[in-house]
C-alpha cells in the first residue's frame, strides 16, 4: 500500500507527463499551421508573379496598392506577418521551456 508521499510523487509525475504531452501537441500544431501558411504564401506569390501595371503612381508608392489585382500582394503580406508571429511564438516557448528544465 502506498503512503501519501508516494501518491503525491506519482501525481506530480503524471502532471509533468500530461504537461509535456500538451506542449508537444501544441508544438506539432504550430508547425502544421506554419507549414500551411508557408505553402499558401508561396502559392499566392508564385500565382501572382507577373508584370505589374502600377498606373500613374509608380511602382514603389502606396498608390500602386490601389490598382487592380493587388489584393494578392496584401494577402501575401498578411500571411507572411502571421507566419513570422507564429515562428516567433514557437521559438520563445522553446527557449523558455529549455531554461526551465
C-alpha atoms as a PDB file:
ATOM      1  CA  UNK A   1       0.000   0.000   0.000  1.00  0.00           C
ATOM      2  CA  UNK A   2       1.262   3.466  -0.863  1.00  0.00           C
ATOM      3  CA  UNK A   3       1.628   6.254   1.614  1.00  0.00           C
ATOM      4  CA  UNK A   4       0.781   9.891   0.946  1.00  0.00           C
ATOM      5  CA  UNK A   5       4.309  10.872  -0.138  1.00  0.00           C
ATOM      6  CA  UNK A   6       4.359   8.201  -2.863  1.00  0.00           C
ATOM      7  CA  UNK A   7       0.897   9.269  -4.035  1.00  0.00           C
ATOM      8  CA  UNK A   8       1.966  12.900  -4.262  1.00  0.00           C
ATOM      9  CA  UNK A   9       5.127  11.957  -6.170  1.00  0.00           C
ATOM     10  CA  UNK A  10       3.078   9.906  -8.640  1.00  0.00           C
ATOM     11  CA  UNK A  11       0.602  12.748  -9.014  1.00  0.00           C
ATOM     12  CA  UNK A  12       3.396  15.221  -9.809  1.00  0.00           C
ATOM     13  CA  UNK A  13       4.983  12.783 -12.238  1.00  0.00           C
ATOM     14  CA  UNK A  14       1.667  12.296 -14.037  1.00  0.00           C
ATOM     15  CA  UNK A  15       1.057  16.061 -14.156  1.00  0.00           C
ATOM     16  CA  UNK A  16       4.514  16.555 -15.696  1.00  0.00           C
ATOM     17  CA  UNK A  17       3.818  13.902 -18.337  1.00  0.00           C
ATOM     18  CA  UNK A  18       0.449  15.481 -19.211  1.00  0.00           C
ATOM     19  CA  UNK A  19       2.006  18.950 -19.492  1.00  0.00           C
ATOM     20  CA  UNK A  20       4.838  17.631 -21.667  1.00  0.00           C
ATOM     21  CA  UNK A  21       2.375  15.895 -23.992  1.00  0.00           C
ATOM     22  CA  UNK A  22       0.253  19.051 -24.225  1.00  0.00           C
ATOM     23  CA  UNK A  23       3.337  21.119 -25.103  1.00  0.00           C
ATOM     24  CA  UNK A  24       4.378  18.601 -27.743  1.00  0.00           C
ATOM     25  CA  UNK A  25       0.927  18.636 -29.311  1.00  0.00           C
ATOM     26  CA  UNK A  26       0.904  22.445 -29.332  1.00  0.00           C
ATOM     27  CA  UNK A  27       4.314  22.491 -30.987  1.00  0.00           C
ATOM     28  CA  UNK A  28       3.167  19.997 -33.629  1.00  0.00           C
ATOM     29  CA  UNK A  29       0.019  22.024 -34.319  1.00  0.00           C
ATOM     30  CA  UNK A  30       2.051  25.219 -34.584  1.00  0.00           C
ATOM     31  CA  UNK A  31       4.399  23.522 -37.020  1.00  0.00           C
ATOM     32  CA  UNK A  32       1.487  22.320 -39.117  1.00  0.00           C
ATOM     33  CA  UNK A  33      -0.105  25.761 -39.206  1.00  0.00           C
ATOM     34  CA  UNK A  34       3.258  27.297 -40.083  1.00  0.00           C
ATOM     35  CA  UNK A  35       3.724  24.822 -42.906  1.00  0.00           C
ATOM     36  CA  UNK A  36       0.283  25.539 -44.308  1.00  0.00           C
ATOM     37  CA  UNK A  37       0.918  29.290 -44.119  1.00  0.00           C
ATOM     38  CA  UNK A  38       4.261  28.878 -45.864  1.00  0.00           C
ATOM     39  CA  UNK A  39       2.738  26.826 -48.673  1.00  0.00           C
ATOM     40  CA  UNK A  40      -0.083  29.349 -49.023  1.00  0.00           C
ATOM     41  CA  UNK A  41       2.416  32.197 -49.131  1.00  0.00           C
ATOM     42  CA  UNK A  42       4.483  30.520 -51.825  1.00  0.00           C
ATOM     43  CA  UNK A  43       1.435  29.530 -53.867  1.00  0.00           C
ATOM     44  CA  UNK A  44      -0.021  33.032 -53.843  1.00  0.00           C
ATOM     45  CA  UNK A  45       3.361  34.624 -54.562  1.00  0.00           C
ATOM     46  CA  UNK A  46       4.024  32.309 -57.491  1.00  0.00           C
ATOM     47  CA  UNK A  47       0.499  32.609 -58.868  1.00  0.00           C
ATOM     48  CA  UNK A  48       0.572  36.392 -58.968  1.00  0.00           C
ATOM     49  CA  UNK A  49       4.130  36.727 -60.212  1.00  0.00           C
ATOM     50  CA  UNK A  50       3.579  38.755 -63.359  1.00  0.00           C
ATOM     51  CA  UNK A  51       4.270  42.182 -64.784  1.00  0.00           C
ATOM     52  CA  UNK A  52       2.619  44.819 -62.650  1.00  0.00           C
ATOM     53  CA  UNK A  53       0.869  47.802 -64.207  1.00  0.00           C
ATOM     54  CA  UNK A  54       1.028  50.414 -61.498  1.00  0.00           C
ATOM     55  CA  UNK A  55      -0.599  53.286 -63.307  1.00  0.00           C
ATOM     56  CA  UNK A  56       0.393  56.888 -62.751  1.00  0.00           C
ATOM     57  CA  UNK A  57       1.547  56.428 -59.138  1.00  0.00           C
ATOM     58  CA  UNK A  58       4.698  54.470 -59.844  1.00  0.00           C
ATOM     59  CA  UNK A  59       5.872  51.052 -58.726  1.00  0.00           C
ATOM     60  CA  UNK A  60       7.115  51.861 -55.233  1.00  0.00           C
ATOM     61  CA  UNK A  61       4.330  54.068 -53.941  1.00  0.00           C
ATOM     62  CA  UNK A  62       1.300  53.306 -51.832  1.00  0.00           C
ATOM     63  CA  UNK A  63      -0.972  54.193 -54.742  1.00  0.00           C
ATOM     64  CA  UNK A  64       0.227  51.040 -56.501  1.00  0.00           C
ATOM     65  CA  UNK A  65      -1.803  49.022 -53.990  1.00  0.00           C
ATOM     66  CA  UNK A  66      -4.972  50.713 -55.228  1.00  0.00           C
ATOM     67  CA  UNK A  67      -4.569  49.300 -58.714  1.00  0.00           C
ATOM     68  CA  UNK A  68      -6.476  46.206 -59.708  1.00  0.00           C
ATOM     69  CA  UNK A  69      -5.336  42.723 -58.651  1.00  0.00           C
ATOM     70  CA  UNK A  70      -3.208  43.897 -55.750  1.00  0.00           C
ATOM     71  CA  UNK A  71      -5.278  42.103 -53.133  1.00  0.00           C
ATOM     72  CA  UNK A  72      -2.961  39.129 -53.530  1.00  0.00           C
ATOM     73  CA  UNK A  73       0.034  41.205 -52.505  1.00  0.00           C
ATOM     74  CA  UNK A  74      -1.771  42.371 -49.403  1.00  0.00           C
ATOM     75  CA  UNK A  75      -2.673  38.742 -48.698  1.00  0.00           C
ATOM     76  CA  UNK A  76       0.967  37.722 -49.071  1.00  0.00           C
ATOM     77  CA  UNK A  77       1.957  40.434 -46.604  1.00  0.00           C
ATOM     78  CA  UNK A  78      -0.643  39.352 -44.057  1.00  0.00           C
ATOM     79  CA  UNK A  79       0.279  35.666 -44.387  1.00  0.00           C
ATOM     80  CA  UNK A  80       3.994  36.478 -44.096  1.00  0.00           C
ATOM     81  CA  UNK A  81       3.314  38.503 -40.957  1.00  0.00           C
ATOM     82  CA  UNK A  82       1.245  35.671 -39.435  1.00  0.00           C
ATOM     83  CA  UNK A  83       3.996  33.190 -40.263  1.00  0.00           C
ATOM     84  CA  UNK A  84       6.593  35.436 -38.621  1.00  0.00           C
ATOM     85  CA  UNK A  85       4.485  35.785 -35.485  1.00  0.00           C
ATOM     86  CA  UNK A  86       3.938  32.028 -35.333  1.00  0.00           C
ATOM     87  CA  UNK A  87       7.645  31.274 -35.680  1.00  0.00           C
ATOM     88  CA  UNK A  88       8.489  33.867 -33.021  1.00  0.00           C
ATOM     89  CA  UNK A  89       5.986  32.413 -30.554  1.00  0.00           C
ATOM     90  CA  UNK A  90       7.225  28.860 -31.098  1.00  0.00           C
ATOM     91  CA  UNK A  91      10.869  29.875 -30.638  1.00  0.00           C
ATOM     92  CA  UNK A  92      10.086  31.874 -27.477  1.00  0.00           C
ATOM     93  CA  UNK A  93       8.164  28.934 -25.981  1.00  0.00           C
ATOM     94  CA  UNK A  94      11.008  26.564 -26.850  1.00  0.00           C
ATOM     95  CA  UNK A  95      13.634  28.834 -25.273  1.00  0.00           C
ATOM     96  CA  UNK A  96      11.506  29.343 -22.167  1.00  0.00           C
ATOM     97  CA  UNK A  97      10.997  25.589 -21.883  1.00  0.00           C
ATOM     98  CA  UNK A  98      14.731  24.937 -22.214  1.00  0.00           C
ATOM     99  CA  UNK A  99      15.532  27.478 -19.497  1.00  0.00           C
ATOM    100  CA  UNK A 100      13.074  25.960 -17.018  1.00  0.00           C
ATOM    101  CA  UNK A 101      14.271  22.389 -17.444  1.00  0.00           C
END
